[in-house]
Amino acid sequence: MTILFYILIVIASLALIASILLQSGKSAGLSGSIGGGAESIWGKSKGRSYEGILSKVTTVSAIVFVISALVLTALQ
């Protein structure tokens, strides 16, 4: 049982590292807003955009990581 949670922690941590490193910075500055960066932030299809998908992957993997760590702590 603990091996399953160890595997979940490893997968979740790798997904967290990858999704955080692939995300762009939130402060694009003045050039980002002039160049159309604000359109992707405030657009209607933010959930389907690349940033939206990475944000969801980050959230889900963080939740899986925390829950797996708590369960492993409780099992030991």
PDB file of N, CA and C in Angstrom:
ATOM      1  N   MET A   1       0.820  -1.194   0.000  1.00  0.00           N
ATOM      2  CA  MET A   1       0.000   0.000   0.000  1.00  0.00           C
ATOM      3  C   MET A   1       0.866   1.260   0.000  1.00  0.00           C
ATOM      4  N   THR A   2       1.950   1.213   0.780  1.00  0.00           N
ATOM      5  CA  THR A   2       2.803   2.394   0.838  1.00  0.00           C
ATOM      6  C   THR A   2       3.556   2.610  -0.474  1.00  0.00           C
ATOM      7  N   ILE A   3       3.824   1.519  -1.193  1.00  0.00           N
ATOM      8  CA  ILE A   3       4.518   1.651  -2.477  1.00  0.00           C
ATOM      9  C   ILE A   3       3.663   2.449  -3.458  1.00  0.00           C
ATOM     10  N   LEU A   4       2.355   2.230  -3.433  1.00  0.00           N
ATOM     11  CA  LEU A   4       1.452   2.983  -4.297  1.00  0.00           C
ATOM     12  C   LEU A   4       1.539   4.478  -4.018  1.00  0.00           C
ATOM     13  N   PHE A   5       1.574   4.849  -2.753  1.00  0.00           N
ATOM     14  CA  PHE A   5       1.633   6.267  -2.408  1.00  0.00           C
ATOM     15  C   PHE A   5       3.009   6.862  -2.691  1.00  0.00           C
ATOM     16  N   TYR A   6       4.063   6.058  -2.564  1.00  0.00           N
ATOM     17  CA  TYR A   6       5.391   6.530  -2.962  1.00  0.00           C
ATOM     18  C   TYR A   6       5.430   6.817  -4.461  1.00  0.00           C
ATOM     19  N   ILE A   7       4.829   5.932  -5.240  1.00  0.00           N
ATOM     20  CA  ILE A   7       4.776   6.137  -6.687  1.00  0.00           C
ATOM     21  C   ILE A   7       3.946   7.375  -7.018  1.00  0.00           C
ATOM     22  N   LEU A   8       2.815   7.564  -6.315  1.00  0.00           N
ATOM     23  CA  LEU A   8       1.992   8.757  -6.540  1.00  0.00           C
ATOM     24  C   LEU A   8       2.753  10.041  -6.214  1.00  0.00           C
ATOM     25  N   ILE A   9       3.542  10.015  -5.141  1.00  0.00           N
ATOM     26  CA  ILE A   9       4.315  11.205  -4.773  1.00  0.00           C
ATOM     27  C   ILE A   9       5.371  11.504  -5.830  1.00  0.00           C
ATOM     28  N   VAL A  10       6.022  10.487  -6.342  1.00  0.00           N
ATOM     29  CA  VAL A  10       7.043  10.713  -7.367  1.00  0.00           C
ATOM     30  C   VAL A  10       6.425  11.270  -8.644  1.00  0.00           C
ATOM     31  N   ILE A  11       5.311  10.692  -9.079  1.00  0.00           N
ATOM     32  CA  ILE A  11       4.641  11.166 -10.290  1.00  0.00           C
ATOM     33  C   ILE A  11       4.116  12.585 -10.099  1.00  0.00           C
ATOM     34  N   ALA A  12       3.508  12.849  -8.944  1.00  0.00           N
ATOM     35  CA  ALA A  12       2.976  14.183  -8.688  1.00  0.00           C
ATOM     36  C   ALA A  12       4.084  15.226  -8.595  1.00  0.00           C
ATOM     37  N   SER A  13       5.209  14.859  -7.998  1.00  0.00           N
ATOM     38  CA  SER A  13       6.293  15.824  -7.892  1.00  0.00           C
ATOM     39  C   SER A  13       6.911  16.117  -9.253  1.00  0.00           C
ATOM     40  N   LEU A  14       7.050  15.110 -10.102  1.00  0.00           N
ATOM     41  CA  LEU A  14       7.558  15.346 -11.454  1.00  0.00           C
ATOM     42  C   LEU A  14       6.591  16.198 -12.272  1.00  0.00           C
ATOM     43  N   ALA A  15       5.291  15.948 -12.106  1.00  0.00           N
ATOM     44  CA  ALA A  15       4.297  16.767 -12.812  1.00  0.00           C
ATOM     45  C   ALA A  15       4.314  18.201 -12.301  1.00  0.00           C
ATOM     46  N   LEU A  16       4.497  18.390 -10.999  1.00  0.00           N
ATOM     47  CA  LEU A  16       4.594  19.736 -10.439  1.00  0.00           C
ATOM     48  C   LEU A  16       5.813  20.473 -10.981  1.00  0.00           C
ATOM     49  N   ILE A  17       6.943  19.809 -10.990  1.00  0.00           N
ATOM     50  CA  ILE A  17       8.161  20.448 -11.487  1.00  0.00           C
ATOM     51  C   ILE A  17       8.000  20.851 -12.949  1.00  0.00           C
ATOM     52  N   ALA A  18       7.498  19.937 -13.761  1.00  0.00           N
ATOM     53  CA  ALA A  18       7.347  20.222 -15.189  1.00  0.00           C
ATOM     54  C   ALA A  18       6.333  21.332 -15.446  1.00  0.00           C
ATOM     55  N   SER A  19       5.185  21.273 -14.770  1.00  0.00           N
ATOM     56  CA  SER A  19       4.149  22.270 -15.047  1.00  0.00           C
ATOM     57  C   SER A  19       4.536  23.649 -14.542  1.00  0.00           C
ATOM     58  N   ILE A  20       5.259  23.724 -13.442  1.00  0.00           N
ATOM     59  CA  ILE A  20       5.685  25.029 -12.940  1.00  0.00           C
ATOM     60  C   ILE A  20       6.771  25.618 -13.838  1.00  0.00           C
ATOM     61  N   LEU A  21       7.685  24.788 -14.297  1.00  0.00           N
ATOM     62  CA  LEU A  21       8.746  25.304 -15.162  1.00  0.00           C
ATOM     63  C   LEU A  21       8.236  25.704 -16.540  1.00  0.00           C
ATOM     64  N   LEU A  22       7.158  25.085 -17.005  1.00  0.00           N
ATOM     65  CA  LEU A  22       6.620  25.422 -18.317  1.00  0.00           C
ATOM     66  C   LEU A  22       5.725  26.656 -18.301  1.00  0.00           C
ATOM     67  N   GLN A  23       5.268  27.069 -17.142  1.00  0.00           N
ATOM     68  CA  GLN A  23       4.400  28.243 -17.071  1.00  0.00           C
ATOM     69  C   GLN A  23       5.198  29.513 -17.309  1.00  0.00           C
ATOM     70  N   SER A  24       4.558  30.451 -17.987  1.00  0.00           N
ATOM     71  CA  SER A  24       5.204  31.738 -18.210  1.00  0.00           C
ATOM     72  C   SER A  24       4.960  32.635 -17.008  1.00  0.00           C
ATOM     73  N   GLY A  25       5.755  33.681 -16.898  1.00  0.00           N
ATOM     74  CA  GLY A  25       5.610  34.605 -15.786  1.00  0.00           C
ATOM     75  C   GLY A  25       4.305  35.374 -15.862  1.00  0.00           C
ATOM     76  N   LYS A  26       3.749  35.692 -14.706  1.00  0.00           N
ATOM     77  CA  LYS A  26       2.481  36.415 -14.672  1.00  0.00           C
ATOM     78  C   LYS A  26       2.662  37.903 -14.966  1.00  0.00           C
ATOM     79  N   SER A  27       3.843  38.432 -14.746  1.00  0.00           N
ATOM     80  CA  SER A  27       4.069  39.857 -14.986  1.00  0.00           C
ATOM     81  C   SER A  27       4.803  40.028 -16.302  1.00  0.00           C
ATOM     82  N   ALA A  28       4.043  40.109 -17.370  1.00  0.00           N
ATOM     83  CA  ALA A  28       4.636  40.269 -18.694  1.00  0.00           C
ATOM     84  C   ALA A  28       5.057  41.716 -18.926  1.00  0.00           C
ATOM     85  N   GLY A  29       4.589  42.606 -18.086  1.00  0.00           N
ATOM     86  CA  GLY A  29       4.971  44.005 -18.217  1.00  0.00           C
ATOM     87  C   GLY A  29       4.157  44.723 -19.274  1.00  0.00           C
ATOM     88  N   LEU A  30       4.605  45.890 -19.625  1.00  0.00           N
ATOM     89  CA  LEU A  30       3.887  46.723 -20.590  1.00  0.00           C
ATOM     90  C   LEU A  30       3.933  46.120 -21.978  1.00  0.00           C
ATOM     91  N   SER A  31       5.037  45.527 -22.350  1.00  0.00           N
ATOM     92  CA  SER A  31       5.146  44.950 -23.690  1.00  0.00           C
ATOM     93  C   SER A  31       4.199  43.762 -23.861  1.00  0.00           C
ATOM     94  N   GLY A  32       3.966  43.008 -22.806  1.00  0.00           N
ATOM     95  CA  GLY A  32       3.044  41.880 -22.900  1.00  0.00           C
ATOM     96  C   GLY A  32       1.607  42.314 -23.068  1.00  0.00           C
ATOM     97  N   SER A  33       1.227  43.422 -22.423  1.00  0.00           N
ATOM     98  CA  SER A  33      -0.159  43.884 -22.563  1.00  0.00           C
ATOM     99  C   SER A  33      -0.386  44.539 -23.909  1.00  0.00           C
ATOM    100  N   ILE A  34       0.614  45.199 -24.459  1.00  0.00           N
ATOM    101  CA  ILE A  34       0.471  45.815 -25.778  1.00  0.00           C
ATOM    102  C   ILE A  34       0.470  44.749 -26.862  1.00  0.00           C
ATOM    103  N   GLY A  35       1.293  43.751 -26.675  1.00  0.00           N
ATOM    104  CA  GLY A  35       1.428  42.706 -27.682  1.00  0.00           C
ATOM    105  C   GLY A  35       0.296  41.694 -27.699  1.00  0.00           C
ATOM    106  N   GLY A  36      -0.698  41.838 -26.864  1.00  0.00           N
ATOM    107  CA  GLY A  36      -1.827  40.918 -26.868  1.00  0.00           C
ATOM    108  C   GLY A  36      -1.792  39.921 -25.744  1.00  0.00           C
ATOM    109  N   GLY A  37      -0.921  40.099 -24.770  1.00  0.00           N
ATOM    110  CA  GLY A  37      -0.864  39.184 -23.636  1.00  0.00           C
ATOM    111  C   GLY A  37      -2.102  39.271 -22.771  1.00  0.00           C
ATOM    112  N   ALA A  38      -2.710  40.449 -22.713  1.00  0.00           N
ATOM    113  CA  ALA A  38      -3.913  40.621 -21.906  1.00  0.00           C
ATOM    114  C   ALA A  38      -5.100  39.883 -22.507  1.00  0.00           C
ATOM    115  N   GLU A  39      -5.064  39.676 -23.814  1.00  0.00           N
ATOM    116  CA  GLU A  39      -6.167  38.974 -24.458  1.00  0.00           C
ATOM    117  C   GLU A  39      -6.243  37.527 -23.995  1.00  0.00           C
ATOM    118  N   SER A  40      -5.099  36.881 -23.832  1.00  0.00           N
ATOM    119  CA  SER A  40      -5.130  35.494 -23.373  1.00  0.00           C
ATOM    120  C   SER A  40      -5.461  35.401 -21.885  1.00  0.00           C
ATOM    121  N   ILE A  41      -5.123  36.451 -21.113  1.00  0.00           N
ATOM    122  CA  ILE A  41      -5.434  36.438 -19.680  1.00  0.00           C
ATOM    123  C   ILE A  41      -6.924  36.653 -19.456  1.00  0.00           C
ATOM    124  N   TRP A  42      -7.496  37.607 -20.151  1.00  0.00           N
ATOM    125  CA  TRP A  42      -8.892  37.955 -19.916  1.00  0.00           C
ATOM    126  C   TRP A  42      -9.840  37.325 -20.936  1.00  0.00           C
ATOM    127  N   GLY A  43      -9.326  36.518 -21.837  1.00  0.00           N
ATOM    128  CA  GLY A  43     -10.164  35.920 -22.864  1.00  0.00           C
ATOM    129  C   GLY A  43     -11.132  34.886 -22.303  1.00  0.00           C
ATOM    130  N   LYS A  44     -12.129  34.559 -23.118  1.00  0.00           N
ATOM    131  CA  LYS A  44     -13.151  33.608 -22.665  1.00  0.00           C
ATOM    132  C   LYS A  44     -12.638  32.177 -22.654  1.00  0.00           C
ATOM    133  N   SER A  45     -11.657  31.878 -23.468  1.00  0.00           N
ATOM    134  CA  SER A  45     -11.177  30.496 -23.570  1.00  0.00           C
ATOM    135  C   SER A  45      -9.902  30.278 -22.772  1.00  0.00           C
ATOM    136  N   LYS A  46      -9.787  30.899 -21.604  1.00  0.00           N
ATOM    137  CA  LYS A  46      -8.583  30.737 -20.794  1.00  0.00           C
ATOM    138  C   LYS A  46      -8.435  29.309 -20.303  1.00  0.00           C
ATOM    139  N   GLY A  47      -9.527  28.648 -19.998  1.00  0.00           N
ATOM    140  CA  GLY A  47      -9.468  27.283 -19.506  1.00  0.00           C
ATOM    141  C   GLY A  47      -8.956  26.303 -20.535  1.00  0.00           C
ATOM    142  N   ARG A  48      -9.133  26.618 -21.806  1.00  0.00           N
ATOM    143  CA  ARG A  48      -8.689  25.728 -22.867  1.00  0.00           C
ATOM    144  C   ARG A  48      -7.342  26.129 -23.439  1.00  0.00           C
ATOM    145  N   SER A  49      -6.790  27.209 -22.957  1.00  0.00           N
ATOM    146  CA  SER A  49      -5.508  27.657 -23.468  1.00  0.00           C
ATOM    147  C   SER A  49      -4.385  26.863 -22.806  1.00  0.00           C
ATOM    148  N   TYR A  50      -3.192  27.074 -23.298  1.00  0.00           N
ATOM    149  CA  TYR A  50      -2.010  26.384 -22.777  1.00  0.00           C
ATOM    150  C   TYR A  50      -1.793  26.721 -21.306  1.00  0.00           C
ATOM    151  N   GLU A  51      -1.967  28.009 -20.956  1.00  0.00           N
ATOM    152  CA  GLU A  51      -1.780  28.426 -19.572  1.00  0.00           C
ATOM    153  C   GLU A  51      -2.847  27.840 -18.658  1.00  0.00           C
ATOM    154  N   GLY A  52      -4.057  27.743 -19.148  1.00  0.00           N
ATOM    155  CA  GLY A  52      -5.143  27.171 -18.360  1.00  0.00           C
ATOM    156  C   GLY A  52      -4.927  25.699 -18.058  1.00  0.00           C
ATOM    157  N   ILE A  53      -4.457  24.981 -19.071  1.00  0.00           N
ATOM    158  CA  ILE A  53      -4.191  23.555 -18.879  1.00  0.00           C
ATOM    159  C   ILE A  53      -3.048  23.349 -17.891  1.00  0.00           C
ATOM    160  N   LEU A  54      -1.981  24.149 -18.019  1.00  0.00           N
ATOM    161  CA  LEU A  54      -0.860  24.030 -17.088  1.00  0.00           C
ATOM    162  C   LEU A  54      -1.281  24.385 -15.663  1.00  0.00           C
ATOM    163  N   SER A  55      -2.161  25.353 -15.529  1.00  0.00           N
ATOM    164  CA  SER A  55      -2.647  25.736 -14.206  1.00  0.00           C
ATOM    165  C   SER A  55      -3.446  24.603 -13.571  1.00  0.00           C
ATOM    166  N   LYS A  56      -4.274  23.938 -14.362  1.00  0.00           N
ATOM    167  CA  LYS A  56      -5.060  22.819 -13.843  1.00  0.00           C
ATOM    168  C   LYS A  56      -4.173  21.629 -13.487  1.00  0.00           C
ATOM    169  N   VAL A  57      -3.162  21.362 -14.318  1.00  0.00           N
ATOM    170  CA  VAL A  57      -2.232  20.263 -14.030  1.00  0.00           C
ATOM    171  C   VAL A  57      -1.469  20.548 -12.740  1.00  0.00           C
ATOM    172  N   THR A  58      -1.066  21.806 -12.547  1.00  0.00           N
ATOM    173  CA  THR A  58      -0.358  22.182 -11.328  1.00  0.00           C
ATOM    174  C   THR A  58      -1.241  21.999 -10.105  1.00  0.00           C
ATOM    175  N   THR A  59      -2.478  22.424 -10.191  1.00  0.00           N
ATOM    176  CA  THR A  59      -3.402  22.305  -9.066  1.00  0.00           C
ATOM    177  C   THR A  59      -3.669  20.844  -8.711  1.00  0.00           C
ATOM    178  N   VAL A  60      -3.949  20.034  -9.709  1.00  0.00           N
ATOM    179  CA  VAL A  60      -4.269  18.629  -9.460  1.00  0.00           C
ATOM    180  C   VAL A  60      -3.061  17.884  -8.903  1.00  0.00           C
ATOM    181  N   SER A  61      -1.896  18.129  -9.471  1.00  0.00           N
ATOM    182  CA  SER A  61      -0.714  17.426  -8.979  1.00  0.00           C
ATOM    183  C   SER A  61      -0.324  17.882  -7.579  1.00  0.00           C
ATOM    184  N   ALA A  62      -0.559  19.138  -7.252  1.00  0.00           N
ATOM    185  CA  ALA A  62      -0.282  19.597  -5.885  1.00  0.00           C
ATOM    186  C   ALA A  62      -1.232  18.939  -4.888  1.00  0.00           C
ATOM    187  N   ILE A  63      -2.490  18.804  -5.253  1.00  0.00           N
ATOM    188  CA  ILE A  63      -3.470  18.160  -4.372  1.00  0.00           C
ATOM    189  C   ILE A  63      -3.113  16.689  -4.178  1.00  0.00           C
ATOM    190  N   VAL A  64      -2.752  15.999  -5.268  1.00  0.00           N
ATOM    191  CA  VAL A  64      -2.370  14.586  -5.168  1.00  0.00           C
ATOM    192  C   VAL A  64      -1.122  14.432  -4.309  1.00  0.00           C
ATOM    193  N   PHE A  65      -0.158  15.335  -4.464  1.00  0.00           N
ATOM    194  CA  PHE A  65       1.072  15.283  -3.677  1.00  0.00           C
ATOM    195  C   PHE A  65       0.790  15.446  -2.188  1.00  0.00           C
ATOM    196  N   VAL A  66      -0.016  16.435  -1.827  1.00  0.00           N
ATOM    197  CA  VAL A  66      -0.294  16.697  -0.414  1.00  0.00           C
ATOM    198  C   VAL A  66      -1.085  15.550   0.212  1.00  0.00           C
ATOM    199  N   ILE A  67      -2.093  15.066  -0.497  1.00  0.00           N
ATOM    200  CA  ILE A  67      -2.908  13.972   0.046  1.00  0.00           C
ATOM    201  C   ILE A  67      -2.069  12.702   0.194  1.00  0.00           C
ATOM    202  N   SER A  68      -1.223  12.416  -0.785  1.00  0.00           N
ATOM    203  CA  SER A  68      -0.361  11.230  -0.689  1.00  0.00           C
ATOM    204  C   SER A  68       0.621  11.356   0.457  1.00  0.00           C
ATOM    205  N   ALA A  69       1.168  12.534   0.662  1.00  0.00           N
ATOM    206  CA  ALA A  69       2.105  12.730   1.769  1.00  0.00           C
ATOM    207  C   ALA A  69       1.404  12.561   3.116  1.00  0.00           C
ATOM    208  N   LEU A  70       0.182  13.074   3.222  1.00  0.00           N
ATOM    209  CA  LEU A  70      -0.566  12.927   4.464  1.00  0.00           C
ATOM    210  C   LEU A  70      -0.935  11.466   4.740  1.00  0.00           C
ATOM    211  N   VAL A  71      -1.315  10.748   3.699  1.00  0.00           N
ATOM    212  CA  VAL A  71      -1.661   9.336   3.879  1.00  0.00           C
ATOM    213  C   VAL A  71      -0.427   8.534   4.258  1.00  0.00           C
ATOM    214  N   LEU A  72       0.718   8.805   3.626  1.00  0.00           N
ATOM    215  CA  LEU A  72       1.943   8.103   3.990  1.00  0.00           C
ATOM    216  C   LEU A  72       2.354   8.389   5.429  1.00  0.00           C
ATOM    217  N   THR A  73       2.160   9.622   5.859  1.00  0.00           N
ATOM    218  CA  THR A  73       2.474   9.962   7.244  1.00  0.00           C
ATOM    219  C   THR A  73       1.550   9.227   8.211  1.00  0.00           C
ATOM    220  N   ALA A  74       0.285   9.118   7.862  1.00  0.00           N
ATOM    221  CA  ALA A  74      -0.666   8.434   8.718  1.00  0.00           C
ATOM    222  C   ALA A  74      -0.392   6.927   8.755  1.00  0.00           C
ATOM    223  N   LEU A  75       0.096   6.364   7.657  1.00  0.00           N
ATOM    224  CA  LEU A  75       0.373   4.933   7.620  1.00  0.00           C
ATOM    225  C   LEU A  75       1.615   4.547   8.407  1.00  0.00           C
ATOM    226  N   GLN A  76       2.524   5.483   8.588  1.00  0.00           N
ATOM    227  CA  GLN A  76       3.767   5.138   9.296  1.00  0.00           C
ATOM    228  C   GLN A  76       3.644   5.304  10.731  1.00  0.00           C
TER     229      GLN A  76
END
